[in-house]
Amino acid sequence: MAVSRYPCRACGRSTEGEDTYVICPACLAEFEAGANERDMNRSGDSRVTDDSVRPTPTPEEIEKQLRRLLDDW
């Protein structure tokens, strides 16, 4: 595949890549630094979840999931 120049998906800076989904090295480094910082701030308990990522299901959704599991069983 040919390498061409495309705008960075984060900042718009011209960046070399094989397709249009490219991130420039500066934005990648910034993202990785933020990810490392979040990992360092996270507690040792891996069961801790972020409620903004996975919303709490409603009782109706829970019942629907349980019925589906029981029907499949």
C-alpha atoms as a PDB file:
ATOM      1  CA  MET A   1       0.000   0.000   0.000  1.00  0.00           C
ATOM      2  CA  ALA A   2       1.343   3.429  -0.896  1.00  0.00           C
ATOM      3  CA  VAL A   3       2.171   5.939   1.811  1.00  0.00           C
ATOM      4  CA  SER A   4       0.616   9.384   1.319  1.00  0.00           C
ATOM      5  CA  ARG A   5       0.025  12.479   3.438  1.00  0.00           C
ATOM      6  CA  TYR A   6      -3.282  12.869   5.262  1.00  0.00           C
ATOM      7  CA  PRO A   7      -4.516  15.218   7.995  1.00  0.00           C
ATOM      8  CA  CYS A   8      -4.116  13.984  11.573  1.00  0.00           C
ATOM      9  CA  ARG A   9      -7.497  12.858  12.951  1.00  0.00           C
ATOM     10  CA  ALA A  10      -6.843  14.772  16.184  1.00  0.00           C
ATOM     11  CA  CYS A  11      -5.204  18.061  15.223  1.00  0.00           C
ATOM     12  CA  GLY A  12      -5.331  18.242  11.400  1.00  0.00           C
ATOM     13  CA  ARG A  13      -1.563  18.413  10.910  1.00  0.00           C
ATOM     14  CA  SER A  14      -0.348  16.778   7.655  1.00  0.00           C
ATOM     15  CA  THR A  15       0.878  13.265   8.494  1.00  0.00           C
ATOM     16  CA  GLU A  16       2.187  10.333   6.455  1.00  0.00           C
ATOM     17  CA  GLY A  17       0.055   7.215   6.486  1.00  0.00           C
ATOM     18  CA  GLU A  18      -1.305   4.323   4.471  1.00  0.00           C
ATOM     19  CA  ASP A  19      -4.917   5.540   4.726  1.00  0.00           C
ATOM     20  CA  THR A  20      -6.923   8.499   5.999  1.00  0.00           C
ATOM     21  CA  TYR A  21      -7.045   7.230   9.601  1.00  0.00           C
ATOM     22  CA  VAL A  22      -3.758   8.665  10.825  1.00  0.00           C
ATOM     23  CA  ILE A  23      -2.616  10.285  14.060  1.00  0.00           C
ATOM     24  CA  CYS A  24       0.511  12.446  14.058  1.00  0.00           C
ATOM     25  CA  PRO A  25       3.388  11.460  16.384  1.00  0.00           C
ATOM     26  CA  ALA A  26       2.764  14.468  18.665  1.00  0.00           C
ATOM     27  CA  CYS A  27      -0.908  13.580  19.240  1.00  0.00           C
ATOM     28  CA  LEU A  28       0.005   9.917  19.737  1.00  0.00           C
ATOM     29  CA  ALA A  29       2.611  10.834  22.364  1.00  0.00           C
ATOM     30  CA  GLU A  30       0.084  13.084  24.132  1.00  0.00           C
ATOM     31  CA  PHE A  31      -2.508  10.300  24.147  1.00  0.00           C
ATOM     32  CA  GLU A  32      -0.027   7.723  25.461  1.00  0.00           C
ATOM     33  CA  ALA A  33       1.155  10.101  28.197  1.00  0.00           C
ATOM     34  CA  GLY A  34      -2.453  10.622  29.293  1.00  0.00           C
ATOM     35  CA  ALA A  35      -3.096   6.869  29.241  1.00  0.00           C
ATOM     36  CA  ASN A  36       0.006   6.210  31.341  1.00  0.00           C
ATOM     37  CA  GLU A  37      -1.063   8.891  33.827  1.00  0.00           C
ATOM     38  CA  ARG A  38      -4.552   7.368  34.125  1.00  0.00           C
ATOM     39  CA  ASP A  39      -3.009   3.932  34.694  1.00  0.00           C
ATOM     40  CA  MET A  40      -0.780   5.290  37.451  1.00  0.00           C
ATOM     41  CA  ASN A  41      -3.739   6.984  39.180  1.00  0.00           C
ATOM     42  CA  ARG A  42      -5.885   3.852  39.043  1.00  0.00           C
ATOM     43  CA  SER A  43      -6.109   1.820  42.214  1.00  0.00           C
ATOM     44  CA  GLY A  44      -4.764  -1.723  42.438  1.00  0.00           C
ATOM     45  CA  ASP A  45      -8.281  -3.148  42.271  1.00  0.00           C
ATOM     46  CA  SER A  46      -8.904  -4.176  38.652  1.00  0.00           C
ATOM     47  CA  ARG A  47     -12.634  -4.583  39.331  1.00  0.00           C
ATOM     48  CA  VAL A  48     -13.111  -0.809  39.564  1.00  0.00           C
ATOM     49  CA  THR A  49     -15.056   0.430  36.535  1.00  0.00           C
ATOM     50  CA  ASP A  50     -15.781   3.867  35.191  1.00  0.00           C
ATOM     51  CA  ASP A  51     -19.549   4.476  35.270  1.00  0.00           C
ATOM     52  CA  SER A  52     -19.294   6.946  32.388  1.00  0.00           C
ATOM     53  CA  VAL A  53     -18.006   4.170  30.123  1.00  0.00           C
ATOM     54  CA  ARG A  54     -20.599   1.529  31.009  1.00  0.00           C
ATOM     55  CA  PRO A  55     -23.977   2.895  32.119  1.00  0.00           C
ATOM     56  CA  THR A  56     -25.950   0.999  34.749  1.00  0.00           C
ATOM     57  CA  PRO A  57     -28.680  -1.096  33.103  1.00  0.00           C
ATOM     58  CA  THR A  58     -32.277  -0.469  34.054  1.00  0.00           C
ATOM     59  CA  PRO A  59     -34.231  -3.178  35.920  1.00  0.00           C
ATOM     60  CA  GLU A  60     -36.157  -3.871  32.702  1.00  0.00           C
ATOM     61  CA  GLU A  61     -32.907  -4.426  30.783  1.00  0.00           C
ATOM     62  CA  ILE A  62     -31.617  -6.757  33.490  1.00  0.00           C
ATOM     63  CA  GLU A  63     -34.840  -8.781  33.435  1.00  0.00           C
ATOM     64  CA  LYS A  64     -34.733  -8.966  29.638  1.00  0.00           C
ATOM     65  CA  GLN A  65     -31.124 -10.239  29.742  1.00  0.00           C
ATOM     66  CA  LEU A  66     -31.987 -12.820  32.411  1.00  0.00           C
ATOM     67  CA  ARG A  67     -34.990 -14.086  30.436  1.00  0.00           C
ATOM     68  CA  ARG A  68     -32.837 -14.394  27.317  1.00  0.00           C
ATOM     69  CA  LEU A  69     -30.200 -16.373  29.245  1.00  0.00           C
ATOM     70  CA  LEU A  70     -32.820 -18.666  30.767  1.00  0.00           C
ATOM     71  CA  ASP A  71     -34.460 -19.224  27.367  1.00  0.00           C
ATOM     72  CA  ASP A  72     -31.073 -20.160  25.867  1.00  0.00           C
ATOM     73  CA  TRP A  73     -30.329 -22.503  28.748  1.00  0.00           C
END
